[in-house]
Structures are given as structure tokens and as C-alpha cells.
Amino acid sequence: MQDSPNIARVAALIGDPARALMLQALMSGRALTASKLAERAGVSKATASSHLAQLQAGALITARPPGAA
């Protein structure tokens, strides 16, 4: 096995429509709250939280506490 990124895992994370919409919203460079991302993706806050946890576990996003630069 190679020491390279698991492309299939990344593709699966990006392939979910809600997660894709959240990532697209974050590509603006602006920090957005989980509530705002839920709204953009058309999912509940709980579902958005689950999606965000998966994206963070996959190292596609990094959470910042409110007020952090």
C-alpha cells in the first residue's frame, strides 16, 4: 500500500451534495457558522454538524472558535 492520500475517501466526502454545498460556501474564504452552512446546504443543524465533523475528520476543513482570526 502506498503512503498517499486516500482519493476514494476524499471523493466520498465531496460527493455528498450537502457536504459539497458546504465546501463550496467555505471556498469564499469567509468563516461561516454551522447554522449558516446548514441553511446553505438545505439541511438541519444536526445534520450539518454531522457533515462538518466528517469533513473535519477527513482534513478538508478546520474548525475555528468564534472570534478567531
C-alpha atoms as a PDB file:
ATOM      1  CA  MET A   1       0.000   0.000   0.000  1.00  0.00           C
ATOM      2  CA  GLN A   2       1.209   3.492  -0.811  1.00  0.00           C
ATOM      3  CA  ASP A   3       1.629   6.422   1.571  1.00  0.00           C
ATOM      4  CA  SER A   4      -0.586   8.702  -0.482  1.00  0.00           C
ATOM      5  CA  PRO A   5      -3.882  10.476   0.055  1.00  0.00           C
ATOM      6  CA  ASN A   6      -6.937   8.249   0.042  1.00  0.00           C
ATOM      7  CA  ILE A   7      -8.618   9.743  -3.000  1.00  0.00           C
ATOM      8  CA  ALA A   8     -11.676   7.498  -2.665  1.00  0.00           C
ATOM      9  CA  ARG A   9     -12.295   8.805   0.879  1.00  0.00           C
ATOM     10  CA  VAL A  10     -11.947  12.418  -0.225  1.00  0.00           C
ATOM     11  CA  ALA A  11     -14.208  11.794  -3.222  1.00  0.00           C
ATOM     12  CA  ALA A  12     -16.847  10.250  -0.965  1.00  0.00           C
ATOM     13  CA  LEU A  13     -16.725  13.266   1.343  1.00  0.00           C
ATOM     14  CA  ILE A  14     -17.027  15.721  -1.535  1.00  0.00           C
ATOM     15  CA  GLY A  15     -19.581  13.562  -3.376  1.00  0.00           C
ATOM     16  CA  ASP A  16     -22.361  14.110  -0.862  1.00  0.00           C
ATOM     17  CA  PRO A  17     -24.488  17.019  -2.142  1.00  0.00           C
ATOM     18  CA  ALA A  18     -24.871  18.722   1.254  1.00  0.00           C
ATOM     19  CA  ARG A  19     -21.170  18.477   2.031  1.00  0.00           C
ATOM     20  CA  ALA A  20     -20.326  19.711  -1.462  1.00  0.00           C
ATOM     21  CA  LEU A  21     -22.539  22.766  -0.941  1.00  0.00           C
ATOM     22  CA  MET A  22     -20.908  23.456   2.417  1.00  0.00           C
ATOM     23  CA  LEU A  23     -17.428  23.191   0.932  1.00  0.00           C
ATOM     24  CA  GLN A  24     -18.441  25.448  -1.936  1.00  0.00           C
ATOM     25  CA  ALA A  25     -19.714  28.048   0.537  1.00  0.00           C
ATOM     26  CA  LEU A  26     -16.450  27.850   2.512  1.00  0.00           C
ATOM     27  CA  MET A  27     -14.371  28.336  -0.636  1.00  0.00           C
ATOM     28  CA  SER A  28     -15.309  32.018  -0.476  1.00  0.00           C
ATOM     29  CA  GLY A  29     -12.685  32.279   2.256  1.00  0.00           C
ATOM     30  CA  ARG A  30     -15.192  33.604   4.767  1.00  0.00           C
ATOM     31  CA  ALA A  31     -15.716  31.840   8.076  1.00  0.00           C
ATOM     32  CA  LEU A  32     -19.303  30.633   8.270  1.00  0.00           C
ATOM     33  CA  THR A  33     -21.175  29.244  11.255  1.00  0.00           C
ATOM     34  CA  ALA A  34     -22.564  25.726  11.260  1.00  0.00           C
ATOM     35  CA  SER A  35     -26.056  27.259  11.229  1.00  0.00           C
ATOM     36  CA  LYS A  36     -25.279  29.284   8.124  1.00  0.00           C
ATOM     37  CA  LEU A  37     -23.758  26.238   6.414  1.00  0.00           C
ATOM     38  CA  ALA A  38     -26.849  24.194   7.308  1.00  0.00           C
ATOM     39  CA  GLU A  39     -29.007  26.863   5.697  1.00  0.00           C
ATOM     40  CA  ARG A  40     -26.851  26.945   2.560  1.00  0.00           C
ATOM     41  CA  ALA A  41     -26.932  23.152   2.248  1.00  0.00           C
ATOM     42  CA  GLY A  42     -30.655  22.870   2.986  1.00  0.00           C
ATOM     43  CA  VAL A  43     -30.205  20.520   5.945  1.00  0.00           C
ATOM     44  CA  SER A  44     -30.937  20.655   9.659  1.00  0.00           C
ATOM     45  CA  LYS A  45     -28.353  21.994  12.096  1.00  0.00           C
ATOM     46  CA  ALA A  46     -27.843  18.483  13.496  1.00  0.00           C
ATOM     47  CA  THR A  47     -27.239  17.062  10.025  1.00  0.00           C
ATOM     48  CA  ALA A  48     -24.859  19.907   9.202  1.00  0.00           C
ATOM     49  CA  SER A  49     -22.947  19.231  12.405  1.00  0.00           C
ATOM     50  CA  SER A  50     -22.529  15.595  11.396  1.00  0.00           C
ATOM     51  CA  HIS A  51     -21.367  16.566   7.913  1.00  0.00           C
ATOM     52  CA  LEU A  52     -18.911  19.106   9.321  1.00  0.00           C
ATOM     53  CA  ALA A  53     -17.482  16.511  11.697  1.00  0.00           C
ATOM     54  CA  GLN A  54     -16.897  14.187   8.741  1.00  0.00           C
ATOM     55  CA  LEU A  55     -15.218  16.944   6.727  1.00  0.00           C
ATOM     56  CA  GLN A  56     -13.008  17.817   9.685  1.00  0.00           C
ATOM     57  CA  ALA A  57     -12.096  14.138  10.266  1.00  0.00           C
ATOM     58  CA  GLY A  58     -11.160  13.934   6.588  1.00  0.00           C
ATOM     59  CA  ALA A  59      -8.924  17.003   6.984  1.00  0.00           C
ATOM     60  CA  LEU A  60     -10.903  19.006   4.425  1.00  0.00           C
ATOM     61  CA  ILE A  61     -11.820  21.749   6.891  1.00  0.00           C
ATOM     62  CA  THR A  62     -10.543  23.136  10.167  1.00  0.00           C
ATOM     63  CA  ALA A  63     -12.905  24.487  12.789  1.00  0.00           C
ATOM     64  CA  ARG A  64     -12.124  27.836  14.357  1.00  0.00           C
ATOM     65  CA  PRO A  65     -13.654  29.110  17.560  1.00  0.00           C
ATOM     66  CA  PRO A  66     -15.830  32.218  17.251  1.00  0.00           C
ATOM     67  CA  GLY A  67     -13.747  35.377  17.109  1.00  0.00           C
ATOM     68  CA  ALA A  68     -10.554  33.613  15.997  1.00  0.00           C
ATOM     69  CA  ALA A  69      -8.710  35.282  13.156  1.00  0.00           C
END
